[in-house]
Amino acid sequence: MRDPAAFVRGNTAVARPPLVPEIALHLATEVTPLWQATETSLARGAVPPPFWAFAWAGGQALARYLLDHPELVAGREVLDIGSGSGIVAIAAALAGAAAVTAAEIDPFAAAAIALNAPLNGVALKIETRDLLDRTAAGWGVALAGDICYEEPMSSRAVALLRRIAARTGRLALLGDPGRAYLPREGLIERARYLVPTSRELEDREGREGVVFEVLPG
């Protein structure tokens, strides 16, 4: 397998997502090769789908919410599930979290997070083991941005969010723009943002990113 960090650096440009310009990320853009790459060409290079290379609407919405409401994570231990680019984890760190774990099993995404964190002057713990079937552990806040796009990822991740939410004093938040596997019950809407998007990624030029509090199962 090619070197993930070298791949990220060679196929992205540093950019700032429109809803959270405070955060800089290595992203695929119109001027980078990854933007035009097909799944076939990526598979030939042993590269999994590069979800980490885009600032998805659900992640942007949740990151914006954390930056606007730092009291939710300030001084607390935070877990970001399916971290992707690290946008939500970085927002939590910028908002004053005591420690942030970015959980991401894709080695290319983990490399992107490792590059993106210092761009924003924050330190993150990157966890590459699959945590989705774990117990609630010691995290005070659990976060997930735009993870409801396929099964079983969505159901497993939401189940972990619910387990963490069930602990006294814990908080679980989910950012989602209306993906296919978003749960229909057990969510409380906390905020809604119009997120500018690209037609190369979405079916419209803007999506509503909604931040939900996830209730215990």
N, C-alpha and C. Protein backbone atom coordinates (compact mmCIF):
# COMPACT_ATOMS: atom_id res chain seq x y z
N MET A 1 0.85 -1.19 0.00
CA MET A 1 0.00 0.00 0.00
C MET A 1 0.88 1.24 0.00
N ARG A 2 0.50 2.21 -0.82
CA ARG A 2 1.27 3.46 -0.86
C ARG A 2 1.21 4.17 0.49
N ASP A 3 2.15 5.08 0.70
CA ASP A 3 2.22 5.80 1.96
C ASP A 3 1.01 6.73 2.11
N PRO A 4 0.17 6.52 3.12
CA PRO A 4 -1.05 7.33 3.23
C PRO A 4 -0.78 8.83 3.36
N ALA A 5 0.20 9.20 4.19
CA ALA A 5 0.46 10.63 4.38
C ALA A 5 0.93 11.29 3.09
N ALA A 6 1.80 10.61 2.36
CA ALA A 6 2.28 11.14 1.09
C ALA A 6 1.12 11.26 0.10
N PHE A 7 0.22 10.28 0.12
CA PHE A 7 -0.93 10.33 -0.78
C PHE A 7 -1.82 11.53 -0.45
N VAL A 8 -2.06 11.75 0.83
CA VAL A 8 -2.90 12.88 1.23
C VAL A 8 -2.27 14.19 0.79
N ARG A 9 -0.98 14.36 1.08
CA ARG A 9 -0.31 15.60 0.71
C ARG A 9 -0.30 15.82 -0.79
N GLY A 10 -0.12 14.74 -1.56
CA GLY A 10 0.01 14.86 -3.01
C GLY A 10 -1.29 15.01 -3.76
N ASN A 11 -2.43 14.75 -3.10
CA ASN A 11 -3.70 14.73 -3.81
C ASN A 11 -4.74 15.68 -3.23
N THR A 12 -4.31 16.58 -2.37
CA THR A 12 -5.24 17.53 -1.77
C THR A 12 -4.61 18.91 -1.74
N ALA A 13 -5.43 19.88 -1.41
CA ALA A 13 -4.96 21.25 -1.16
C ALA A 13 -5.56 21.70 0.16
N VAL A 14 -4.86 22.54 0.87
CA VAL A 14 -5.40 23.06 2.13
C VAL A 14 -6.50 24.07 1.80
N ALA A 15 -7.67 23.84 2.38
CA ALA A 15 -8.82 24.69 2.13
C ALA A 15 -9.62 24.83 3.42
N ARG A 16 -10.56 25.77 3.41
CA ARG A 16 -11.40 26.02 4.58
C ARG A 16 -12.86 25.81 4.20
N PRO A 17 -13.56 24.90 4.88
CA PRO A 17 -14.96 24.64 4.55
C PRO A 17 -15.81 25.89 4.74
N PRO A 18 -16.83 26.09 3.90
CA PRO A 18 -17.58 27.35 3.93
C PRO A 18 -18.30 27.63 5.24
N LEU A 19 -18.81 26.61 5.92
CA LEU A 19 -19.56 26.85 7.15
C LEU A 19 -18.64 27.01 8.36
N VAL A 20 -17.41 26.50 8.27
CA VAL A 20 -16.46 26.59 9.39
C VAL A 20 -15.11 27.08 8.87
N PRO A 21 -15.04 28.33 8.44
CA PRO A 21 -13.78 28.86 7.90
C PRO A 21 -12.67 28.95 8.93
N GLU A 22 -13.00 28.75 10.21
CA GLU A 22 -11.96 28.73 11.24
C GLU A 22 -11.05 27.52 11.12
N ILE A 23 -11.49 26.50 10.41
CA ILE A 23 -10.76 25.23 10.34
C ILE A 23 -10.16 25.03 8.96
N ALA A 24 -8.87 24.68 8.92
CA ALA A 24 -8.17 24.37 7.67
C ALA A 24 -8.00 22.86 7.56
N LEU A 25 -8.23 22.33 6.35
CA LEU A 25 -8.16 20.89 6.11
C LEU A 25 -7.49 20.58 4.78
N HIS A 26 -6.85 19.42 4.70
CA HIS A 26 -6.40 18.90 3.41
C HIS A 26 -7.61 18.31 2.70
N LEU A 27 -8.08 18.95 1.63
CA LEU A 27 -9.29 18.53 0.95
C LEU A 27 -9.05 18.36 -0.55
N ALA A 28 -9.85 17.51 -1.15
CA ALA A 28 -9.86 17.42 -2.61
C ALA A 28 -10.57 18.65 -3.15
N THR A 29 -10.01 19.26 -4.15
CA THR A 29 -10.62 20.43 -4.78
C THR A 29 -10.60 20.24 -6.30
N GLU A 30 -11.20 21.18 -6.99
CA GLU A 30 -11.25 21.11 -8.46
C GLU A 30 -9.85 21.08 -9.09
N VAL A 31 -8.84 21.52 -8.37
CA VAL A 31 -7.49 21.58 -8.94
C VAL A 31 -6.61 20.43 -8.46
N THR A 32 -7.18 19.48 -7.69
CA THR A 32 -6.38 18.34 -7.22
C THR A 32 -6.82 17.06 -7.92
N PRO A 33 -5.89 16.12 -8.14
CA PRO A 33 -6.22 14.90 -8.89
C PRO A 33 -7.33 14.07 -8.26
N LEU A 34 -7.43 14.08 -6.95
CA LEU A 34 -8.39 13.22 -6.27
C LEU A 34 -9.82 13.60 -6.60
N TRP A 35 -10.05 14.87 -6.90
CA TRP A 35 -11.41 15.34 -7.20
C TRP A 35 -11.99 14.59 -8.39
N GLN A 36 -11.17 14.30 -9.40
CA GLN A 36 -11.64 13.65 -10.62
C GLN A 36 -11.43 12.14 -10.62
N ALA A 37 -10.79 11.61 -9.59
CA ALA A 37 -10.49 10.18 -9.58
C ALA A 37 -11.77 9.36 -9.48
N THR A 38 -11.82 8.24 -10.19
CA THR A 38 -12.95 7.33 -10.11
C THR A 38 -12.68 6.24 -9.08
N GLU A 39 -13.74 5.54 -8.68
CA GLU A 39 -13.55 4.43 -7.75
C GLU A 39 -12.64 3.37 -8.34
N THR A 40 -12.73 3.17 -9.66
CA THR A 40 -11.89 2.17 -10.31
C THR A 40 -10.42 2.54 -10.21
N SER A 41 -10.08 3.79 -10.48
CA SER A 41 -8.68 4.20 -10.42
C SER A 41 -8.16 4.17 -9.00
N LEU A 42 -9.01 4.52 -8.03
CA LEU A 42 -8.59 4.46 -6.63
C LEU A 42 -8.35 3.01 -6.21
N ALA A 43 -9.23 2.10 -6.66
CA ALA A 43 -9.07 0.70 -6.31
C ALA A 43 -7.76 0.14 -6.86
N ARG A 44 -7.37 0.56 -8.06
CA ARG A 44 -6.11 0.10 -8.64
C ARG A 44 -4.92 0.53 -7.78
N GLY A 45 -5.05 1.67 -7.13
CA GLY A 45 -3.98 2.16 -6.27
C GLY A 45 -4.13 1.73 -4.82
N ALA A 46 -5.06 0.79 -4.56
CA ALA A 46 -5.32 0.27 -3.21
C ALA A 46 -5.72 1.39 -2.25
N VAL A 47 -6.52 2.32 -2.75
CA VAL A 47 -7.00 3.44 -1.94
C VAL A 47 -8.50 3.28 -1.72
N PRO A 48 -8.96 3.20 -0.48
CA PRO A 48 -10.41 3.12 -0.22
C PRO A 48 -11.09 4.43 -0.61
N PRO A 49 -12.42 4.43 -0.75
CA PRO A 49 -13.12 5.67 -1.11
C PRO A 49 -12.70 6.81 -0.20
N PRO A 50 -12.30 7.94 -0.76
CA PRO A 50 -11.70 9.02 0.06
C PRO A 50 -12.72 9.93 0.72
N PHE A 51 -13.56 9.36 1.57
CA PHE A 51 -14.54 10.18 2.28
C PHE A 51 -13.87 11.28 3.09
N TRP A 52 -12.64 11.00 3.54
CA TRP A 52 -11.91 11.95 4.38
C TRP A 52 -11.51 13.22 3.63
N ALA A 53 -11.58 13.20 2.30
CA ALA A 53 -11.07 14.31 1.49
C ALA A 53 -12.12 15.38 1.22
N PHE A 54 -13.29 15.24 1.83
CA PHE A 54 -14.36 16.20 1.61
C PHE A 54 -14.97 16.60 2.95
N ALA A 55 -15.37 17.85 3.05
CA ALA A 55 -16.01 18.34 4.27
C ALA A 55 -17.51 18.20 4.09
N TRP A 56 -18.06 17.05 4.53
CA TRP A 56 -19.46 16.74 4.29
C TRP A 56 -20.36 17.62 5.14
N ALA A 57 -21.59 17.80 4.67
CA ALA A 57 -22.51 18.76 5.28
C ALA A 57 -22.79 18.45 6.75
N GLY A 58 -22.97 17.17 7.08
CA GLY A 58 -23.26 16.83 8.47
C GLY A 58 -22.11 17.15 9.40
N GLY A 59 -20.89 16.89 8.93
CA GLY A 59 -19.72 17.22 9.73
C GLY A 59 -19.53 18.71 9.89
N GLN A 60 -19.76 19.46 8.82
CA GLN A 60 -19.65 20.92 8.93
C GLN A 60 -20.66 21.48 9.93
N ALA A 61 -21.88 20.97 9.87
CA ALA A 61 -22.92 21.47 10.78
C ALA A 61 -22.55 21.19 12.23
N LEU A 62 -22.09 19.98 12.52
CA LEU A 62 -21.73 19.65 13.89
C LEU A 62 -20.52 20.44 14.35
N ALA A 63 -19.53 20.63 13.47
CA ALA A 63 -18.36 21.44 13.83
C ALA A 63 -18.77 22.88 14.13
N ARG A 64 -19.67 23.43 13.31
CA ARG A 64 -20.15 24.80 13.55
C ARG A 64 -20.84 24.91 14.90
N TYR A 65 -21.64 23.91 15.22
CA TYR A 65 -22.39 23.91 16.48
C TYR A 65 -21.44 23.89 17.68
N LEU A 66 -20.38 23.09 17.59
CA LEU A 66 -19.42 23.02 18.69
C LEU A 66 -18.68 24.34 18.86
N LEU A 67 -18.28 24.95 17.76
CA LEU A 67 -17.57 26.23 17.85
C LEU A 67 -18.49 27.32 18.42
N ASP A 68 -19.79 27.22 18.10
CA ASP A 68 -20.74 28.22 18.61
C ASP A 68 -21.18 27.94 20.04
N HIS A 69 -20.99 26.69 20.51
CA HIS A 69 -21.42 26.31 21.86
C HIS A 69 -20.28 25.55 22.55
N PRO A 70 -19.15 26.21 22.80
CA PRO A 70 -17.98 25.53 23.36
C PRO A 70 -18.23 24.93 24.74
N GLU A 71 -19.22 25.45 25.45
CA GLU A 71 -19.49 24.93 26.79
C GLU A 71 -19.90 23.46 26.79
N LEU A 72 -20.32 22.95 25.66
CA LEU A 72 -20.74 21.55 25.57
C LEU A 72 -19.57 20.58 25.71
N VAL A 73 -18.38 21.02 25.29
CA VAL A 73 -17.22 20.12 25.32
C VAL A 73 -16.07 20.64 26.16
N ALA A 74 -16.11 21.88 26.57
CA ALA A 74 -14.99 22.48 27.30
C ALA A 74 -14.64 21.67 28.53
N GLY A 75 -13.36 21.28 28.64
CA GLY A 75 -12.88 20.55 29.79
C GLY A 75 -13.28 19.09 29.84
N ARG A 76 -13.89 18.55 28.79
CA ARG A 76 -14.40 17.18 28.80
C ARG A 76 -13.59 16.30 27.84
N GLU A 77 -13.67 14.99 28.08
CA GLU A 77 -13.05 14.02 27.17
C GLU A 77 -14.06 13.68 26.07
N VAL A 78 -13.62 13.77 24.83
CA VAL A 78 -14.53 13.70 23.68
C VAL A 78 -14.09 12.58 22.74
N LEU A 79 -15.07 11.86 22.21
CA LEU A 79 -14.85 10.86 21.18
C LEU A 79 -15.56 11.29 19.90
N ASP A 80 -14.83 11.32 18.78
CA ASP A 80 -15.41 11.61 17.47
C ASP A 80 -15.42 10.31 16.67
N ILE A 81 -16.60 9.79 16.35
CA ILE A 81 -16.76 8.50 15.70
C ILE A 81 -16.76 8.67 14.19
N GLY A 82 -15.96 7.85 13.48
CA GLY A 82 -15.88 7.97 12.03
C GLY A 82 -15.40 9.34 11.63
N SER A 83 -14.23 9.70 12.12
CA SER A 83 -13.78 11.09 12.10
C SER A 83 -13.52 11.67 10.71
N GLY A 84 -13.19 10.83 9.73
CA GLY A 84 -12.97 11.33 8.37
C GLY A 84 -11.82 12.29 8.27
N SER A 85 -12.10 13.52 7.91
CA SER A 85 -11.07 14.55 7.81
C SER A 85 -10.61 15.03 9.18
N GLY A 86 -11.41 14.74 10.21
CA GLY A 86 -11.12 15.25 11.55
C GLY A 86 -11.80 16.56 11.86
N ILE A 87 -12.68 17.03 10.99
CA ILE A 87 -13.27 18.36 11.16
C ILE A 87 -14.00 18.50 12.49
N VAL A 88 -14.77 17.48 12.89
CA VAL A 88 -15.52 17.57 14.14
C VAL A 88 -14.58 17.47 15.34
N ALA A 89 -13.62 16.57 15.27
CA ALA A 89 -12.65 16.43 16.36
C ALA A 89 -11.86 17.72 16.55
N ILE A 90 -11.45 18.33 15.45
CA ILE A 90 -10.70 19.59 15.52
C ILE A 90 -11.56 20.68 16.14
N ALA A 91 -12.83 20.75 15.73
CA ALA A 91 -13.73 21.75 16.31
C ALA A 91 -13.87 21.55 17.81
N ALA A 92 -13.97 20.30 18.25
CA ALA A 92 -14.08 20.03 19.69
C ALA A 92 -12.83 20.50 20.43
N ALA A 93 -11.66 20.24 19.83
CA ALA A 93 -10.41 20.67 20.46
C ALA A 93 -10.33 22.20 20.51
N LEU A 94 -10.72 22.85 19.42
CA LEU A 94 -10.71 24.32 19.40
C LEU A 94 -11.69 24.90 20.41
N ALA A 95 -12.76 24.16 20.68
CA ALA A 95 -13.77 24.62 21.64
C ALA A 95 -13.37 24.38 23.09
N GLY A 96 -12.21 23.75 23.31
CA GLY A 96 -11.69 23.64 24.66
C GLY A 96 -11.82 22.28 25.31
N ALA A 97 -12.07 21.23 24.52
CA ALA A 97 -12.13 19.89 25.11
C ALA A 97 -10.81 19.55 25.77
N ALA A 98 -10.88 18.81 26.88
CA ALA A 98 -9.67 18.43 27.60
C ALA A 98 -8.84 17.43 26.80
N ALA A 99 -9.50 16.52 26.10
CA ALA A 99 -8.83 15.53 25.26
C ALA A 99 -9.83 15.07 24.21
N VAL A 100 -9.34 14.85 23.00
CA VAL A 100 -10.22 14.42 21.90
C VAL A 100 -9.62 13.20 21.23
N THR A 101 -10.42 12.14 21.10
CA THR A 101 -10.05 10.95 20.37
C THR A 101 -10.79 10.94 19.05
N ALA A 102 -10.04 10.90 17.95
CA ALA A 102 -10.62 10.80 16.61
C ALA A 102 -10.55 9.33 16.20
N ALA A 103 -11.69 8.66 16.14
CA ALA A 103 -11.75 7.24 15.81
C ALA A 103 -11.98 7.07 14.32
N GLU A 104 -11.03 6.40 13.65
CA GLU A 104 -11.10 6.27 12.19
C GLU A 104 -10.28 5.07 11.75
N ILE A 105 -10.94 4.07 11.13
CA ILE A 105 -10.24 2.84 10.76
C ILE A 105 -9.54 2.93 9.40
N ASP A 106 -9.89 3.89 8.56
CA ASP A 106 -9.26 4.06 7.26
C ASP A 106 -7.87 4.68 7.45
N PRO A 107 -6.79 4.01 7.04
CA PRO A 107 -5.45 4.56 7.27
C PRO A 107 -5.20 5.88 6.53
N PHE A 108 -5.87 6.09 5.40
CA PHE A 108 -5.70 7.36 4.69
C PHE A 108 -6.40 8.48 5.44
N ALA A 109 -7.58 8.20 6.00
CA ALA A 109 -8.24 9.19 6.83
C ALA A 109 -7.42 9.49 8.08
N ALA A 110 -6.87 8.46 8.70
CA ALA A 110 -6.04 8.68 9.89
C ALA A 110 -4.85 9.57 9.55
N ALA A 111 -4.26 9.35 8.37
CA ALA A 111 -3.14 10.20 7.94
C ALA A 111 -3.60 11.63 7.71
N ALA A 112 -4.79 11.80 7.13
CA ALA A 112 -5.32 13.15 6.92
C ALA A 112 -5.56 13.85 8.25
N ILE A 113 -6.11 13.14 9.23
CA ILE A 113 -6.33 13.75 10.54
C ILE A 113 -5.01 14.17 11.16
N ALA A 114 -3.99 13.31 11.04
CA ALA A 114 -2.68 13.63 11.60
C ALA A 114 -2.07 14.86 10.95
N LEU A 115 -2.39 15.11 9.69
CA LEU A 115 -1.91 16.32 9.02
C LEU A 115 -2.79 17.53 9.34
N ASN A 116 -4.08 17.31 9.48
CA ASN A 116 -5.00 18.42 9.69
C ASN A 116 -4.92 18.99 11.11
N ALA A 117 -4.66 18.15 12.10
CA ALA A 117 -4.64 18.64 13.48
C ALA A 117 -3.62 19.76 13.68
N PRO A 118 -2.33 19.57 13.29
CA PRO A 118 -1.38 20.65 13.50
C PRO A 118 -1.65 21.88 12.65
N LEU A 119 -2.34 21.72 11.52
CA LEU A 119 -2.73 22.90 10.73
C LEU A 119 -3.57 23.86 11.57
N ASN A 120 -4.28 23.30 12.54
CA ASN A 120 -5.20 24.09 13.36
C ASN A 120 -4.70 24.28 14.78
N GLY A 121 -3.46 23.86 15.04
CA GLY A 121 -2.85 24.09 16.34
C GLY A 121 -3.45 23.27 17.46
N VAL A 122 -3.96 22.07 17.13
CA VAL A 122 -4.55 21.23 18.17
C VAL A 122 -3.88 19.86 18.16
N ALA A 123 -4.01 19.15 19.28
CA ALA A 123 -3.50 17.79 19.40
C ALA A 123 -4.68 16.84 19.56
N LEU A 124 -4.68 15.77 18.77
CA LEU A 124 -5.73 14.77 18.83
C LEU A 124 -5.11 13.40 19.05
N LYS A 125 -5.83 12.52 19.72
CA LYS A 125 -5.46 11.11 19.74
C LYS A 125 -6.19 10.43 18.60
N ILE A 126 -5.46 9.72 17.75
CA ILE A 126 -6.08 9.03 16.62
C ILE A 126 -6.17 7.55 16.94
N GLU A 127 -7.38 7.02 16.93
CA GLU A 127 -7.64 5.62 17.26
C GLU A 127 -8.06 4.88 15.99
N THR A 128 -7.24 3.94 15.54
CA THR A 128 -7.53 3.23 14.30
C THR A 128 -8.20 1.87 14.52
N ARG A 129 -8.40 1.49 15.77
CA ARG A 129 -9.17 0.26 16.04
C ARG A 129 -10.66 0.54 15.88
N ASP A 130 -11.42 -0.48 15.54
CA ASP A 130 -12.87 -0.35 15.43
C ASP A 130 -13.46 -0.32 16.84
N LEU A 131 -14.03 0.81 17.22
CA LEU A 131 -14.58 0.99 18.56
C LEU A 131 -16.09 0.81 18.61
N LEU A 132 -16.73 0.55 17.49
CA LEU A 132 -18.18 0.67 17.44
C LEU A 132 -18.92 -0.31 18.33
N ASP A 133 -18.31 -1.44 18.63
CA ASP A 133 -18.99 -2.42 19.49
C ASP A 133 -18.49 -2.36 20.93
N ARG A 134 -17.73 -1.32 21.27
CA ARG A 134 -17.19 -1.19 22.61
C ARG A 134 -18.25 -0.66 23.58
N THR A 135 -17.91 -0.73 24.85
CA THR A 135 -18.78 -0.12 25.86
C THR A 135 -18.61 1.39 25.83
N ALA A 136 -19.36 2.07 26.66
CA ALA A 136 -19.36 3.54 26.64
C ALA A 136 -18.04 4.14 27.12
N ALA A 137 -17.26 3.36 27.88
CA ALA A 137 -15.94 3.82 28.37
C ALA A 137 -16.06 5.15 29.10
N GLY A 138 -15.00 5.97 29.08
CA GLY A 138 -14.98 7.14 29.93
C GLY A 138 -15.25 8.46 29.24
N TRP A 139 -15.66 8.45 27.97
CA TRP A 139 -15.87 9.71 27.26
C TRP A 139 -17.08 10.45 27.81
N GLY A 140 -16.92 11.75 27.99
CA GLY A 140 -18.04 12.57 28.45
C GLY A 140 -18.94 13.02 27.33
N VAL A 141 -18.37 13.15 26.12
CA VAL A 141 -19.14 13.58 24.96
C VAL A 141 -18.76 12.69 23.78
N ALA A 142 -19.76 12.22 23.06
CA ALA A 142 -19.53 11.45 21.84
C ALA A 142 -20.14 12.20 20.67
N LEU A 143 -19.40 12.25 19.57
CA LEU A 143 -19.80 13.02 18.40
C LEU A 143 -19.71 12.15 17.15
N ALA A 144 -20.56 12.44 16.18
CA ALA A 144 -20.47 11.76 14.88
C ALA A 144 -21.03 12.69 13.81
N GLY A 145 -20.26 12.93 12.77
CA GLY A 145 -20.69 13.80 11.70
C GLY A 145 -20.85 13.05 10.39
N ASP A 146 -22.07 13.00 9.88
CA ASP A 146 -22.36 12.42 8.56
C ASP A 146 -21.92 10.96 8.45
N ILE A 147 -22.42 10.13 9.36
CA ILE A 147 -22.05 8.71 9.35
C ILE A 147 -23.23 7.81 8.97
N CYS A 148 -24.36 8.39 8.57
CA CYS A 148 -25.57 7.59 8.32
C CYS A 148 -25.80 7.32 6.84
N TYR A 149 -24.71 7.14 6.08
CA TYR A 149 -24.84 6.96 4.64
C TYR A 149 -24.91 5.50 4.21
N GLU A 150 -24.61 4.56 5.10
CA GLU A 150 -24.71 3.16 4.74
C GLU A 150 -24.90 2.30 5.99
N GLU A 151 -25.46 1.11 5.79
CA GLU A 151 -25.53 0.11 6.84
C GLU A 151 -24.37 -0.86 6.64
N PRO A 152 -23.80 -1.48 7.70
CA PRO A 152 -24.23 -1.37 9.10
C PRO A 152 -23.54 -0.25 9.87
N MET A 153 -22.73 0.56 9.18
CA MET A 153 -22.00 1.63 9.86
C MET A 153 -22.94 2.50 10.69
N SER A 154 -24.06 2.90 10.09
CA SER A 154 -24.96 3.80 10.79
C SER A 154 -25.51 3.18 12.06
N SER A 155 -26.05 1.98 11.96
CA SER A 155 -26.69 1.37 13.14
C SER A 155 -25.68 1.10 14.24
N ARG A 156 -24.47 0.66 13.89
CA ARG A 156 -23.46 0.39 14.91
C ARG A 156 -23.00 1.68 15.58
N ALA A 157 -22.78 2.73 14.78
CA ALA A 157 -22.32 4.00 15.34
C ALA A 157 -23.39 4.63 16.22
N VAL A 158 -24.63 4.60 15.75
CA VAL A 158 -25.71 5.18 16.55
C VAL A 158 -25.90 4.39 17.83
N ALA A 159 -25.74 3.07 17.77
CA ALA A 159 -25.85 2.26 19.00
C ALA A 159 -24.80 2.68 20.02
N LEU A 160 -23.57 2.95 19.56
CA LEU A 160 -22.54 3.42 20.49
C LEU A 160 -22.90 4.79 21.05
N LEU A 161 -23.39 5.68 20.20
CA LEU A 161 -23.83 6.99 20.69
C LEU A 161 -24.90 6.83 21.77
N ARG A 162 -25.83 5.91 21.57
CA ARG A 162 -26.90 5.71 22.55
C ARG A 162 -26.35 5.14 23.86
N ARG A 163 -25.37 4.23 23.76
CA ARG A 163 -24.78 3.68 24.98
C ARG A 163 -24.09 4.76 25.79
N ILE A 164 -23.39 5.64 25.10
CA ILE A 164 -22.70 6.74 25.80
C ILE A 164 -23.72 7.71 26.38
N ALA A 165 -24.78 8.01 25.63
CA ALA A 165 -25.82 8.93 26.11
C ALA A 165 -26.52 8.40 27.35
N ALA A 166 -26.53 7.08 27.51
CA ALA A 166 -27.23 6.48 28.64
C ALA A 166 -26.51 6.68 29.97
N ARG A 167 -25.23 7.03 29.92
CA ARG A 167 -24.48 7.26 31.15
C ARG A 167 -24.84 8.63 31.73
N THR A 168 -24.95 8.72 33.02
CA THR A 168 -25.32 9.97 33.67
C THR A 168 -24.33 11.08 33.34
N GLY A 169 -24.85 12.21 32.89
CA GLY A 169 -24.01 13.36 32.61
C GLY A 169 -23.31 13.33 31.27
N ARG A 170 -23.56 12.30 30.45
CA ARG A 170 -22.90 12.21 29.14
C ARG A 170 -23.77 12.84 28.06
N LEU A 171 -23.13 13.19 26.94
CA LEU A 171 -23.83 13.83 25.83
C LEU A 171 -23.40 13.17 24.53
N ALA A 172 -24.35 12.90 23.65
CA ALA A 172 -24.06 12.35 22.32
C ALA A 172 -24.73 13.23 21.27
N LEU A 173 -23.95 13.66 20.28
CA LEU A 173 -24.45 14.54 19.22
C LEU A 173 -24.15 13.93 17.86
N LEU A 174 -25.09 14.10 16.93
CA LEU A 174 -24.97 13.59 15.57
C LEU A 174 -25.29 14.70 14.60
N GLY A 175 -24.40 14.91 13.62
CA GLY A 175 -24.67 15.87 12.55
C GLY A 175 -25.04 15.12 11.28
N ASP A 176 -26.15 15.50 10.63
CA ASP A 176 -26.60 14.75 9.46
C ASP A 176 -27.43 15.66 8.54
N PRO A 177 -27.26 15.51 7.21
CA PRO A 177 -28.04 16.31 6.27
C PRO A 177 -29.19 15.53 5.62
N GLY A 178 -29.67 14.47 6.29
CA GLY A 178 -30.76 13.70 5.72
C GLY A 178 -30.32 12.47 4.96
N ARG A 179 -29.27 11.80 5.45
CA ARG A 179 -28.79 10.59 4.80
C ARG A 179 -29.81 9.44 4.95
N ALA A 180 -29.64 8.42 4.13
CA ALA A 180 -30.64 7.36 4.01
C ALA A 180 -30.86 6.59 5.31
N TYR A 181 -29.82 6.44 6.12
CA TYR A 181 -29.93 5.59 7.31
C TYR A 181 -29.97 6.39 8.61
N LEU A 182 -30.35 7.64 8.53
CA LEU A 182 -30.56 8.43 9.74
C LEU A 182 -31.72 7.82 10.54
N PRO A 183 -31.54 7.56 11.84
CA PRO A 183 -32.64 6.99 12.63
C PRO A 183 -33.87 7.89 12.59
N ARG A 184 -35.02 7.28 12.64
CA ARG A 184 -36.27 8.03 12.60
C ARG A 184 -36.76 8.41 13.99
N GLU A 185 -36.19 7.78 15.02
CA GLU A 185 -36.63 8.04 16.39
C GLU A 185 -35.42 8.20 17.30
N GLY A 186 -35.66 8.75 18.47
CA GLY A 186 -34.60 8.86 19.46
C GLY A 186 -33.62 9.97 19.22
N LEU A 187 -34.06 11.02 18.51
CA LEU A 187 -33.20 12.17 18.23
C LEU A 187 -33.95 13.45 18.59
N ILE A 188 -33.22 14.43 19.10
CA ILE A 188 -33.78 15.75 19.37
C ILE A 188 -32.98 16.77 18.56
N GLU A 189 -33.65 17.52 17.71
CA GLU A 189 -32.95 18.52 16.91
C GLU A 189 -32.48 19.67 17.79
N ARG A 190 -31.18 20.01 17.64
CA ARG A 190 -30.60 21.11 18.41
C ARG A 190 -30.25 22.33 17.55
N ALA A 191 -29.96 22.11 16.27
CA ALA A 191 -29.60 23.24 15.40
C ALA A 191 -29.72 22.79 13.96
N ARG A 192 -29.86 23.77 13.07
CA ARG A 192 -29.99 23.51 11.64
C ARG A 192 -29.24 24.60 10.88
N TYR A 193 -28.42 24.19 9.91
CA TYR A 193 -27.61 25.12 9.14
C TYR A 193 -27.75 24.80 7.65
N LEU A 194 -27.74 25.83 6.83
CA LEU A 194 -27.65 25.63 5.38
C LEU A 194 -26.18 25.58 5.02
N VAL A 195 -25.75 24.44 4.50
CA VAL A 195 -24.34 24.21 4.19
C VAL A 195 -24.13 24.26 2.69
N PRO A 196 -23.33 25.21 2.17
CA PRO A 196 -23.03 25.21 0.74
C PRO A 196 -22.33 23.91 0.34
N THR A 197 -22.75 23.31 -0.78
CA THR A 197 -22.17 22.07 -1.25
C THR A 197 -21.88 22.16 -2.74
N SER A 198 -21.20 21.15 -3.25
CA SER A 198 -20.88 21.07 -4.67
C SER A 198 -21.74 20.01 -5.33
N ARG A 199 -22.17 20.25 -6.55
CA ARG A 199 -22.96 19.25 -7.27
C ARG A 199 -22.14 18.02 -7.63
N GLU A 200 -20.82 18.12 -7.57
CA GLU A 200 -19.99 16.94 -7.78
C GLU A 200 -20.12 15.96 -6.61
N LEU A 201 -20.53 16.48 -5.43
CA LEU A 201 -20.66 15.64 -4.24
C LEU A 201 -22.11 15.36 -3.88
N GLU A 202 -22.96 16.35 -4.05
CA GLU A 202 -24.35 16.23 -3.62
C GLU A 202 -25.27 16.49 -4.82
N ASP A 203 -26.57 16.36 -4.60
CA ASP A 203 -27.54 16.56 -5.68
C ASP A 203 -28.07 17.99 -5.72
N ARG A 204 -27.43 18.87 -4.97
CA ARG A 204 -27.87 20.26 -4.93
C ARG A 204 -26.71 21.13 -4.45
N GLU A 205 -26.88 22.44 -4.53
CA GLU A 205 -25.80 23.36 -4.18
C GLU A 205 -25.80 23.75 -2.71
N GLY A 206 -26.75 23.23 -1.97
CA GLY A 206 -26.78 23.47 -0.53
C GLY A 206 -27.61 22.40 0.14
N ARG A 207 -27.19 21.97 1.32
CA ARG A 207 -27.95 20.98 2.09
C ARG A 207 -28.14 21.51 3.50
N GLU A 208 -29.23 21.12 4.11
CA GLU A 208 -29.46 21.48 5.50
C GLU A 208 -28.76 20.46 6.38
N GLY A 209 -27.76 20.93 7.10
CA GLY A 209 -27.08 20.08 8.07
C GLY A 209 -27.74 20.26 9.42
N VAL A 210 -28.23 19.18 9.98
CA VAL A 210 -28.96 19.24 11.25
C VAL A 210 -28.12 18.59 12.34
N VAL A 211 -28.09 19.23 13.49
CA VAL A 211 -27.41 18.67 14.66
C VAL A 211 -28.46 18.11 15.60
N PHE A 212 -28.31 16.83 15.92
CA PHE A 212 -29.25 16.15 16.80
C PHE A 212 -28.56 15.74 18.09
N GLU A 213 -29.28 15.82 19.20
CA GLU A 213 -28.87 15.11 20.40
C GLU A 213 -29.41 13.69 20.31
N VAL A 214 -28.55 12.72 20.53
CA VAL A 214 -28.95 11.32 20.45
C VAL A 214 -29.38 10.86 21.84
N LEU A 215 -30.57 10.30 21.93
CA LEU A 215 -31.11 9.85 23.21
C LEU A 215 -30.69 8.41 23.48
N PRO A 216 -30.66 8.01 24.75
CA PRO A 216 -30.31 6.63 25.07
C PRO A 216 -31.26 5.64 24.39
N GLY A 217 -30.73 4.45 24.08
CA GLY A 217 -31.54 3.44 23.42
C GLY A 217 -32.48 2.74 24.41
